[in-house]
Amino acid sequence: MVVPFVILGLAVLVGLYLVIQYNGLVRLRNRIESAWAQIGVQLQRRYDLVPNLVETVKGYAAHEKQVLENVTAARAAAINARGVGEQAKAETGFTAALKSLFAVSEAYPDLKANQNFLALQEELSGTEGRIAYARQFYNDVVQSYNNKVQAFPGNLVANTFRFTEREYFEADDASRPPVKVQF
């Protein structure tokens, strides 16, 4: 008579454990989606600042056409990137193009003193910090999720319900060419 209650109790505990594991995986998956969305918000903010920055530089450094075209092309590539890996690669190229733009600005004292340029540069700098934070948060959540998906016994639940590992937002070393500035 006691054995059926023990078996029933064990079944309830196992069922409760599965529900807790499943809900934990769902929560982490949703945090990843939310963190990725926050990266997208900050990247869009960055993309929106760049045309104004390019226009400001254009007025002072019109003969730096190639640098301005590179920034515009890198921005377009970053906006159109899909998926974590492609986005990380595009962002690396975009960051390099922006560094070239700021390096060019060093050669133009009037540009460096322009209040609009300084304000845009400050805004972009703050946005870069928010992007770095959002990327770090995203990668932290991905690490927690991947640990749960890979570790026993959570991996049993993850495999059963088709939870798969997520990709980190990592810069691609191969896509980080040195910044070339020519005067």
N, C-alpha and C. Protein backbone atom coordinates (compact mmCIF):
# COMPACT_ATOMS: atom_id res chain seq x y z
N MET A 1 0.81 -1.20 0.00
CA MET A 1 0.00 0.00 0.00
C MET A 1 0.86 1.26 0.00
N VAL A 2 1.99 1.22 0.65
CA VAL A 2 2.90 2.37 0.72
C VAL A 2 3.64 2.54 -0.61
N VAL A 3 3.94 1.47 -1.29
CA VAL A 3 4.72 1.51 -2.53
C VAL A 3 4.05 2.37 -3.61
N PRO A 4 2.75 2.27 -3.84
CA PRO A 4 2.14 3.13 -4.86
C PRO A 4 2.29 4.62 -4.54
N PHE A 5 2.22 4.98 -3.23
CA PHE A 5 2.38 6.40 -2.87
C PHE A 5 3.82 6.86 -3.09
N VAL A 6 4.77 5.98 -2.85
CA VAL A 6 6.18 6.32 -3.08
C VAL A 6 6.41 6.52 -4.58
N ILE A 7 5.88 5.62 -5.39
CA ILE A 7 6.03 5.72 -6.84
C ILE A 7 5.32 6.99 -7.34
N LEU A 8 4.13 7.27 -6.83
CA LEU A 8 3.41 8.47 -7.21
C LEU A 8 4.18 9.72 -6.78
N GLY A 9 4.74 9.69 -5.59
CA GLY A 9 5.54 10.82 -5.10
C GLY A 9 6.76 11.05 -5.97
N LEU A 10 7.44 9.98 -6.35
CA LEU A 10 8.62 10.09 -7.23
C LEU A 10 8.22 10.62 -8.60
N ALA A 11 7.11 10.15 -9.11
CA ALA A 11 6.63 10.63 -10.42
C ALA A 11 6.31 12.12 -10.36
N VAL A 12 5.70 12.57 -9.28
CA VAL A 12 5.39 13.99 -9.13
C VAL A 12 6.67 14.80 -9.04
N LEU A 13 7.67 14.31 -8.29
CA LEU A 13 8.95 15.01 -8.17
C LEU A 13 9.67 15.09 -9.51
N VAL A 14 9.67 13.99 -10.25
CA VAL A 14 10.31 14.00 -11.58
C VAL A 14 9.57 14.97 -12.50
N GLY A 15 8.25 14.92 -12.48
CA GLY A 15 7.47 15.86 -13.30
C GLY A 15 7.73 17.30 -12.92
N LEU A 16 7.80 17.58 -11.63
CA LEU A 16 8.09 18.92 -11.15
C LEU A 16 9.48 19.35 -11.59
N TYR A 17 10.43 18.44 -11.50
CA TYR A 17 11.80 18.75 -11.93
C TYR A 17 11.83 19.09 -13.43
N LEU A 18 11.13 18.31 -14.24
CA LEU A 18 11.09 18.57 -15.69
C LEU A 18 10.47 19.93 -15.99
N VAL A 19 9.41 20.27 -15.28
CA VAL A 19 8.75 21.57 -15.49
C VAL A 19 9.71 22.70 -15.12
N ILE A 20 10.40 22.57 -14.00
CA ILE A 20 11.35 23.61 -13.57
C ILE A 20 12.48 23.75 -14.57
N GLN A 21 13.04 22.64 -15.04
CA GLN A 21 14.11 22.69 -16.03
C GLN A 21 13.63 23.33 -17.34
N TYR A 22 12.48 22.90 -17.81
CA TYR A 22 11.93 23.43 -19.05
C TYR A 22 11.68 24.94 -18.93
N ASN A 23 11.05 25.35 -17.84
CA ASN A 23 10.76 26.78 -17.65
C ASN A 23 12.05 27.59 -17.53
N GLY A 24 13.06 27.03 -16.91
CA GLY A 24 14.35 27.71 -16.82
C GLY A 24 14.97 27.92 -18.19
N LEU A 25 14.89 26.91 -19.04
CA LEU A 25 15.41 27.04 -20.41
C LEU A 25 14.62 28.08 -21.21
N VAL A 26 13.32 28.09 -21.04
CA VAL A 26 12.48 29.07 -21.74
C VAL A 26 12.84 30.48 -21.27
N ARG A 27 13.00 30.66 -19.95
CA ARG A 27 13.36 31.98 -19.42
C ARG A 27 14.69 32.46 -20.00
N LEU A 28 15.68 31.58 -20.03
CA LEU A 28 16.99 31.95 -20.57
C LEU A 28 16.91 32.24 -22.07
N ARG A 29 16.16 31.44 -22.80
CA ARG A 29 16.00 31.68 -24.23
C ARG A 29 15.36 33.05 -24.47
N ASN A 30 14.36 33.39 -23.66
CA ASN A 30 13.71 34.69 -23.80
C ASN A 30 14.63 35.83 -23.41
N ARG A 31 15.49 35.62 -22.42
CA ARG A 31 16.47 36.64 -22.05
C ARG A 31 17.47 36.86 -23.17
N ILE A 32 17.83 35.79 -23.87
CA ILE A 32 18.73 35.93 -25.02
C ILE A 32 18.07 36.78 -26.09
N GLU A 33 16.81 36.50 -26.39
CA GLU A 33 16.08 37.28 -27.41
C GLU A 33 15.98 38.74 -27.00
N SER A 34 15.71 38.98 -25.73
CA SER A 34 15.63 40.35 -25.23
C SER A 34 16.99 41.05 -25.31
N ALA A 35 18.04 40.34 -24.93
CA ALA A 35 19.39 40.92 -24.99
C ALA A 35 19.78 41.22 -26.43
N TRP A 36 19.43 40.34 -27.35
CA TRP A 36 19.73 40.58 -28.77
C TRP A 36 18.96 41.80 -29.27
N ALA A 37 17.73 41.95 -28.83
CA ALA A 37 16.94 43.11 -29.22
C ALA A 37 17.58 44.40 -28.70
N GLN A 38 18.13 44.36 -27.50
CA GLN A 38 18.80 45.54 -26.95
C GLN A 38 20.06 45.89 -27.75
N ILE A 39 20.78 44.88 -28.20
CA ILE A 39 21.93 45.14 -29.07
C ILE A 39 21.43 45.83 -30.33
N GLY A 40 20.34 45.33 -30.88
CA GLY A 40 19.77 45.93 -32.08
C GLY A 40 19.38 47.39 -31.88
N VAL A 41 18.81 47.71 -30.74
CA VAL A 41 18.42 49.09 -30.44
C VAL A 41 19.65 49.99 -30.42
N GLN A 42 20.70 49.54 -29.75
CA GLN A 42 21.92 50.36 -29.65
C GLN A 42 22.62 50.47 -31.00
N LEU A 43 22.63 49.39 -31.77
CA LEU A 43 23.25 49.46 -33.09
C LEU A 43 22.49 50.42 -34.00
N GLN A 44 21.16 50.39 -33.93
CA GLN A 44 20.36 51.31 -34.74
C GLN A 44 20.65 52.75 -34.35
N ARG A 45 20.81 52.99 -33.07
CA ARG A 45 21.16 54.33 -32.59
C ARG A 45 22.48 54.76 -33.21
N ARG A 46 23.43 53.85 -33.25
CA ARG A 46 24.74 54.13 -33.85
C ARG A 46 24.59 54.41 -35.34
N TYR A 47 23.82 53.57 -36.03
CA TYR A 47 23.63 53.75 -37.47
C TYR A 47 22.97 55.10 -37.77
N ASP A 48 22.06 55.53 -36.91
CA ASP A 48 21.37 56.79 -37.13
C ASP A 48 22.29 57.99 -36.94
N LEU A 49 23.31 57.87 -36.11
CA LEU A 49 24.25 58.97 -35.88
C LEU A 49 25.23 59.16 -37.03
N VAL A 50 25.58 58.08 -37.69
CA VAL A 50 26.66 58.12 -38.68
C VAL A 50 26.36 59.03 -39.87
N PRO A 51 25.17 59.03 -40.47
CA PRO A 51 24.95 59.95 -41.60
C PRO A 51 25.21 61.42 -41.24
N ASN A 52 24.79 61.83 -40.05
CA ASN A 52 25.05 63.20 -39.61
C ASN A 52 26.54 63.45 -39.45
N LEU A 53 27.22 62.48 -38.92
CA LEU A 53 28.67 62.60 -38.74
C LEU A 53 29.37 62.70 -40.10
N VAL A 54 28.98 61.85 -41.03
CA VAL A 54 29.57 61.87 -42.37
C VAL A 54 29.31 63.21 -43.04
N GLU A 55 28.09 63.72 -42.94
CA GLU A 55 27.77 65.02 -43.54
C GLU A 55 28.60 66.15 -42.94
N THR A 56 28.83 66.09 -41.65
CA THR A 56 29.65 67.11 -40.99
C THR A 56 31.08 67.05 -41.49
N VAL A 57 31.61 65.84 -41.58
CA VAL A 57 32.99 65.67 -42.05
C VAL A 57 33.10 66.08 -43.51
N LYS A 58 32.09 65.77 -44.30
CA LYS A 58 32.09 66.10 -45.73
C LYS A 58 32.34 67.58 -45.97
N GLY A 59 31.75 68.41 -45.14
CA GLY A 59 31.91 69.84 -45.30
C GLY A 59 33.34 70.32 -45.11
N TYR A 60 34.10 69.60 -44.32
CA TYR A 60 35.47 70.01 -44.01
C TYR A 60 36.51 69.21 -44.81
N ALA A 61 36.18 67.99 -45.12
CA ALA A 61 37.16 67.10 -45.73
C ALA A 61 36.59 66.46 -46.98
N ALA A 62 36.16 67.27 -47.91
CA ALA A 62 35.50 66.77 -49.12
C ALA A 62 36.40 65.86 -49.93
N HIS A 63 37.72 66.08 -49.89
CA HIS A 63 38.61 65.26 -50.70
C HIS A 63 38.92 63.90 -50.04
N GLU A 64 38.34 63.61 -48.89
CA GLU A 64 38.50 62.31 -48.23
C GLU A 64 37.34 61.39 -48.63
N LYS A 65 37.03 61.41 -49.90
CA LYS A 65 35.86 60.71 -50.43
C LYS A 65 35.88 59.21 -50.12
N GLN A 66 37.04 58.57 -50.28
CA GLN A 66 37.13 57.12 -50.06
C GLN A 66 36.78 56.74 -48.62
N VAL A 67 37.26 57.51 -47.66
CA VAL A 67 36.96 57.22 -46.26
C VAL A 67 35.46 57.34 -46.01
N LEU A 68 34.86 58.39 -46.55
CA LEU A 68 33.42 58.59 -46.37
C LEU A 68 32.61 57.48 -47.04
N GLU A 69 33.05 57.06 -48.22
CA GLU A 69 32.37 55.96 -48.91
C GLU A 69 32.52 54.65 -48.14
N ASN A 70 33.70 54.43 -47.55
CA ASN A 70 33.91 53.22 -46.75
C ASN A 70 33.00 53.18 -45.53
N VAL A 71 32.83 54.31 -44.88
CA VAL A 71 31.94 54.37 -43.72
C VAL A 71 30.51 54.08 -44.15
N THR A 72 30.08 54.68 -45.24
CA THR A 72 28.72 54.48 -45.73
C THR A 72 28.49 53.02 -46.12
N ALA A 73 29.46 52.42 -46.81
CA ALA A 73 29.33 51.01 -47.21
C ALA A 73 29.34 50.09 -46.00
N ALA A 74 30.20 50.37 -45.03
CA ALA A 74 30.26 49.54 -43.82
C ALA A 74 28.97 49.65 -43.01
N ARG A 75 28.40 50.84 -42.98
CA ARG A 75 27.12 51.04 -42.28
C ARG A 75 26.03 50.21 -42.95
N ALA A 76 25.97 50.26 -44.28
CA ALA A 76 24.96 49.49 -45.02
C ALA A 76 25.14 47.99 -44.78
N ALA A 77 26.39 47.53 -44.78
CA ALA A 77 26.64 46.11 -44.53
C ALA A 77 26.20 45.71 -43.13
N ALA A 78 26.45 46.57 -42.16
CA ALA A 78 26.07 46.26 -40.78
C ALA A 78 24.54 46.25 -40.61
N ILE A 79 23.88 47.20 -41.25
CA ILE A 79 22.42 47.25 -41.16
C ILE A 79 21.80 46.00 -41.78
N ASN A 80 22.37 45.50 -42.86
CA ASN A 80 21.81 44.36 -43.58
C ASN A 80 22.27 43.00 -43.05
N ALA A 81 23.17 42.99 -42.08
CA ALA A 81 23.68 41.71 -41.55
C ALA A 81 22.56 40.95 -40.84
N ARG A 82 22.59 39.65 -40.97
CA ARG A 82 21.60 38.78 -40.34
C ARG A 82 22.32 37.72 -39.53
N GLY A 83 21.82 37.46 -38.35
CA GLY A 83 22.41 36.44 -37.50
C GLY A 83 23.57 36.99 -36.68
N VAL A 84 23.88 36.31 -35.63
CA VAL A 84 24.88 36.77 -34.67
C VAL A 84 26.26 36.85 -35.31
N GLY A 85 26.70 35.80 -35.99
CA GLY A 85 28.04 35.77 -36.57
C GLY A 85 28.22 36.82 -37.65
N GLU A 86 27.27 36.92 -38.55
CA GLU A 86 27.34 37.91 -39.63
C GLU A 86 27.30 39.33 -39.07
N GLN A 87 26.47 39.54 -38.05
CA GLN A 87 26.38 40.86 -37.42
C GLN A 87 27.70 41.23 -36.76
N ALA A 88 28.32 40.29 -36.06
CA ALA A 88 29.60 40.56 -35.39
C ALA A 88 30.67 40.93 -36.41
N LYS A 89 30.70 40.21 -37.52
CA LYS A 89 31.69 40.49 -38.56
C LYS A 89 31.45 41.87 -39.19
N ALA A 90 30.20 42.18 -39.47
CA ALA A 90 29.87 43.48 -40.06
C ALA A 90 30.18 44.62 -39.09
N GLU A 91 29.93 44.42 -37.82
CA GLU A 91 30.21 45.45 -36.82
C GLU A 91 31.70 45.71 -36.69
N THR A 92 32.51 44.67 -36.83
CA THR A 92 33.95 44.85 -36.77
C THR A 92 34.42 45.73 -37.92
N GLY A 93 33.90 45.48 -39.12
CA GLY A 93 34.25 46.30 -40.28
C GLY A 93 33.74 47.73 -40.13
N PHE A 94 32.55 47.89 -39.57
CA PHE A 94 31.98 49.22 -39.37
C PHE A 94 32.79 50.02 -38.36
N THR A 95 33.21 49.36 -37.29
CA THR A 95 34.03 50.03 -36.28
C THR A 95 35.36 50.48 -36.88
N ALA A 96 35.96 49.64 -37.71
CA ALA A 96 37.23 50.02 -38.36
C ALA A 96 37.02 51.23 -39.27
N ALA A 97 35.91 51.26 -39.99
CA ALA A 97 35.62 52.39 -40.88
C ALA A 97 35.42 53.68 -40.07
N LEU A 98 34.74 53.58 -38.95
CA LEU A 98 34.55 54.75 -38.09
C LEU A 98 35.88 55.24 -37.53
N LYS A 99 36.76 54.30 -37.17
CA LYS A 99 38.08 54.70 -36.68
C LYS A 99 38.84 55.47 -37.76
N SER A 100 38.70 55.04 -38.99
CA SER A 100 39.34 55.76 -40.10
C SER A 100 38.78 57.17 -40.23
N LEU A 101 37.48 57.29 -40.07
CA LEU A 101 36.83 58.59 -40.16
C LEU A 101 37.35 59.53 -39.07
N PHE A 102 37.46 59.02 -37.86
CA PHE A 102 37.96 59.85 -36.77
C PHE A 102 39.44 60.15 -36.93
N ALA A 103 40.19 59.23 -37.51
CA ALA A 103 41.61 59.50 -37.78
C ALA A 103 41.76 60.61 -38.80
N VAL A 104 40.90 60.63 -39.81
CA VAL A 104 40.92 61.69 -40.82
C VAL A 104 40.59 63.03 -40.17
N SER A 105 39.67 63.03 -39.23
CA SER A 105 39.27 64.29 -38.59
C SER A 105 40.44 64.95 -37.85
N GLU A 106 41.41 64.17 -37.46
CA GLU A 106 42.57 64.72 -36.76
C GLU A 106 43.35 65.70 -37.64
N ALA A 107 43.27 65.53 -38.94
CA ALA A 107 44.02 66.39 -39.86
C ALA A 107 43.31 67.72 -40.14
N TYR A 108 42.12 67.91 -39.59
CA TYR A 108 41.35 69.11 -39.86
C TYR A 108 41.00 69.81 -38.54
N PRO A 109 41.82 70.76 -38.13
CA PRO A 109 41.58 71.43 -36.85
C PRO A 109 40.22 72.12 -36.77
N ASP A 110 39.76 72.68 -37.88
CA ASP A 110 38.44 73.33 -37.85
C ASP A 110 37.33 72.32 -37.60
N LEU A 111 37.48 71.13 -38.18
CA LEU A 111 36.49 70.07 -37.97
C LEU A 111 36.51 69.61 -36.51
N LYS A 112 37.71 69.42 -35.98
CA LYS A 112 37.83 68.97 -34.59
C LYS A 112 37.21 69.98 -33.62
N ALA A 113 37.18 71.24 -34.00
CA ALA A 113 36.63 72.28 -33.13
C ALA A 113 35.14 72.53 -33.39
N ASN A 114 34.58 71.94 -34.43
CA ASN A 114 33.18 72.14 -34.77
C ASN A 114 32.29 71.53 -33.69
N GLN A 115 31.39 72.34 -33.15
CA GLN A 115 30.53 71.90 -32.04
C GLN A 115 29.62 70.74 -32.45
N ASN A 116 29.10 70.79 -33.66
CA ASN A 116 28.24 69.71 -34.14
C ASN A 116 29.03 68.40 -34.21
N PHE A 117 30.24 68.47 -34.75
CA PHE A 117 31.09 67.28 -34.84
C PHE A 117 31.42 66.75 -33.45
N LEU A 118 31.77 67.64 -32.54
CA LEU A 118 32.10 67.22 -31.17
C LEU A 118 30.91 66.58 -30.48
N ALA A 119 29.73 67.15 -30.68
CA ALA A 119 28.53 66.58 -30.08
C ALA A 119 28.23 65.20 -30.65
N LEU A 120 28.36 65.06 -31.97
CA LEU A 120 28.13 63.75 -32.60
C LEU A 120 29.17 62.74 -32.14
N GLN A 121 30.40 63.17 -32.03
CA GLN A 121 31.47 62.28 -31.58
C GLN A 121 31.20 61.81 -30.14
N GLU A 122 30.76 62.72 -29.29
CA GLU A 122 30.44 62.38 -27.90
C GLU A 122 29.26 61.41 -27.84
N GLU A 123 28.24 61.69 -28.63
CA GLU A 123 27.06 60.81 -28.68
C GLU A 123 27.44 59.41 -29.16
N LEU A 124 28.28 59.36 -30.18
CA LEU A 124 28.73 58.08 -30.71
C LEU A 124 29.57 57.33 -29.67
N SER A 125 30.40 58.05 -28.96
CA SER A 125 31.22 57.44 -27.92
C SER A 125 30.35 56.82 -26.83
N GLY A 126 29.31 57.55 -26.40
CA GLY A 126 28.38 57.01 -25.41
C GLY A 126 27.64 55.79 -25.93
N THR A 127 27.26 55.85 -27.19
CA THR A 127 26.56 54.72 -27.81
C THR A 127 27.47 53.50 -27.88
N GLU A 128 28.74 53.70 -28.18
CA GLU A 128 29.70 52.58 -28.22
C GLU A 128 29.77 51.89 -26.86
N GLY A 129 29.74 52.68 -25.79
CA GLY A 129 29.75 52.09 -24.45
C GLY A 129 28.50 51.27 -24.18
N ARG A 130 27.34 51.77 -24.62
CA ARG A 130 26.10 51.02 -24.45
C ARG A 130 26.10 49.74 -25.29
N ILE A 131 26.68 49.82 -26.48
CA ILE A 131 26.78 48.62 -27.33
C ILE A 131 27.66 47.58 -26.65
N ALA A 132 28.79 48.02 -26.11
CA ALA A 132 29.70 47.08 -25.43
C ALA A 132 29.00 46.42 -24.25
N TYR A 133 28.25 47.19 -23.48
CA TYR A 133 27.52 46.62 -22.35
C TYR A 133 26.46 45.62 -22.84
N ALA A 134 25.72 45.99 -23.88
CA ALA A 134 24.66 45.10 -24.40
C ALA A 134 25.26 43.81 -24.93
N ARG A 135 26.41 43.89 -25.60
CA ARG A 135 27.07 42.68 -26.10
C ARG A 135 27.51 41.79 -24.95
N GLN A 136 28.08 42.40 -23.91
CA GLN A 136 28.53 41.63 -22.76
C GLN A 136 27.36 40.95 -22.08
N PHE A 137 26.27 41.68 -21.90
CA PHE A 137 25.08 41.10 -21.28
C PHE A 137 24.55 39.95 -22.11
N TYR A 138 24.49 40.15 -23.42
CA TYR A 138 24.03 39.09 -24.33
C TYR A 138 24.90 37.84 -24.17
N ASN A 139 26.21 38.02 -24.21
CA ASN A 139 27.13 36.89 -24.11
C ASN A 139 27.01 36.20 -22.75
N ASP A 140 26.77 36.95 -21.68
CA ASP A 140 26.58 36.35 -20.36
C ASP A 140 25.34 35.48 -20.32
N VAL A 141 24.25 35.98 -20.92
CA VAL A 141 23.01 35.21 -20.94
C VAL A 141 23.18 33.97 -21.81
N VAL A 142 23.87 34.12 -22.94
CA VAL A 142 24.12 32.96 -23.81
C VAL A 142 24.95 31.92 -23.07
N GLN A 143 25.92 32.36 -22.29
CA GLN A 143 26.75 31.42 -21.53
C GLN A 143 25.89 30.65 -20.52
N SER A 144 25.02 31.34 -19.80
CA SER A 144 24.15 30.66 -18.84
C SER A 144 23.24 29.66 -19.53
N TYR A 145 22.68 30.08 -20.64
CA TYR A 145 21.78 29.20 -21.42
C TYR A 145 22.55 27.98 -21.94
N ASN A 146 23.70 28.21 -22.56
CA ASN A 146 24.48 27.11 -23.11
C ASN A 146 24.93 26.15 -22.02
N ASN A 147 25.29 26.68 -20.84
CA ASN A 147 25.66 25.80 -19.73
C ASN A 147 24.50 24.90 -19.36
N LYS A 148 23.31 25.46 -19.31
CA LYS A 148 22.13 24.67 -18.94
C LYS A 148 21.79 23.64 -20.02
N VAL A 149 21.98 24.02 -21.29
CA VAL A 149 21.69 23.11 -22.40
C VAL A 149 22.70 21.97 -22.44
N GLN A 150 23.94 22.23 -22.04
CA GLN A 150 25.01 21.24 -22.15
C GLN A 150 25.16 20.37 -20.90
N ALA A 151 24.86 20.91 -19.73
CA ALA A 151 25.16 20.21 -18.48
C ALA A 151 24.08 19.18 -18.14
N PHE A 152 24.52 18.09 -17.55
CA PHE A 152 23.62 17.05 -17.08
C PHE A 152 23.03 17.50 -15.75
N PRO A 153 21.79 17.29 -15.51
CA PRO A 153 20.75 16.60 -16.26
C PRO A 153 19.91 17.54 -17.13
N GLY A 154 20.23 18.85 -17.12
CA GLY A 154 19.47 19.79 -17.94
C GLY A 154 19.52 19.47 -19.41
N ASN A 155 20.63 18.86 -19.85
CA ASN A 155 20.74 18.53 -21.27
C ASN A 155 19.70 17.49 -21.70
N LEU A 156 19.25 16.67 -20.78
CA LEU A 156 18.20 15.70 -21.12
C LEU A 156 16.90 16.42 -21.49
N VAL A 157 16.56 17.41 -20.70
CA VAL A 157 15.36 18.20 -20.99
C VAL A 157 15.57 19.02 -22.26
N ALA A 158 16.76 19.64 -22.38
CA ALA A 158 17.05 20.47 -23.55
C ALA A 158 16.97 19.65 -24.83
N ASN A 159 17.55 18.48 -24.83
CA ASN A 159 17.51 17.64 -26.04
C ASN A 159 16.09 17.17 -26.34
N THR A 160 15.36 16.83 -25.32
CA THR A 160 13.98 16.36 -25.51
C THR A 160 13.11 17.43 -26.17
N PHE A 161 13.30 18.67 -25.73
CA PHE A 161 12.46 19.77 -26.23
C PHE A 161 13.17 20.64 -27.27
N ARG A 162 14.25 20.13 -27.81
CA ARG A 162 14.99 20.77 -28.92
C ARG A 162 15.50 22.18 -28.62
N PHE A 163 16.02 22.36 -27.42
CA PHE A 163 16.73 23.60 -27.11
C PHE A 163 18.16 23.41 -27.59
N THR A 164 18.62 24.29 -28.44
CA THR A 164 19.98 24.16 -28.98
C THR A 164 20.85 25.32 -28.49
N GLU A 165 22.16 25.10 -28.56
CA GLU A 165 23.10 26.12 -28.13
C GLU A 165 22.94 27.37 -28.98
N ARG A 166 23.32 28.51 -28.39
CA ARG A 166 23.28 29.79 -29.08
C ARG A 166 24.69 30.27 -29.33
N GLU A 167 24.81 31.12 -30.32
CA GLU A 167 26.11 31.65 -30.73
C GLU A 167 26.44 32.92 -29.94
N TYR A 168 27.70 33.04 -29.54
CA TYR A 168 28.17 34.26 -28.87
C TYR A 168 28.35 35.37 -29.89
N PHE A 169 28.29 36.60 -29.43
CA PHE A 169 28.54 37.76 -30.27
C PHE A 169 30.03 38.08 -30.12
N GLU A 170 30.83 37.53 -31.03
CA GLU A 170 32.28 37.69 -30.96
C GLU A 170 32.80 38.39 -32.20
N ALA A 171 33.78 39.22 -31.98
CA ALA A 171 34.43 39.88 -33.11
C ALA A 171 35.29 38.86 -33.84
N ASP A 172 35.31 38.96 -35.13
CA ASP A 172 36.07 38.06 -35.98
C ASP A 172 37.45 38.68 -36.22
N ASP A 173 38.52 38.05 -35.70
CA ASP A 173 39.87 38.59 -35.85
C ASP A 173 40.27 38.75 -37.31
N ALA A 174 39.80 37.88 -38.17
CA ALA A 174 40.16 37.96 -39.59
C ALA A 174 39.54 39.18 -40.27
N SER A 175 38.46 39.68 -39.70
CA SER A 175 37.80 40.82 -40.34
C SER A 175 38.22 42.15 -39.73
N ARG A 176 39.29 42.16 -38.98
CA ARG A 176 39.80 43.39 -38.37
C ARG A 176 41.04 43.87 -39.10
N PRO A 177 40.85 44.45 -40.26
CA PRO A 177 42.03 44.94 -40.97
C PRO A 177 42.59 46.15 -40.25
N PRO A 178 43.88 46.39 -40.41
CA PRO A 178 44.45 47.60 -39.79
C PRO A 178 43.85 48.85 -40.44
N VAL A 179 43.68 49.86 -39.66
CA VAL A 179 43.13 51.11 -40.16
C VAL A 179 44.18 51.82 -40.99
N LYS A 180 43.84 52.13 -42.26
CA LYS A 180 44.76 52.81 -43.15
C LYS A 180 44.30 54.25 -43.32
N VAL A 181 45.17 55.17 -43.00
CA VAL A 181 44.85 56.59 -43.18
C VAL A 181 45.93 57.17 -44.07
N GLN A 182 45.50 57.79 -45.17
CA GLN A 182 46.44 58.40 -46.09
C GLN A 182 46.14 59.88 -46.21
N PHE A 183 47.19 60.70 -46.18
CA PHE A 183 47.02 62.15 -46.33
C PHE A 183 47.77 62.62 -47.53
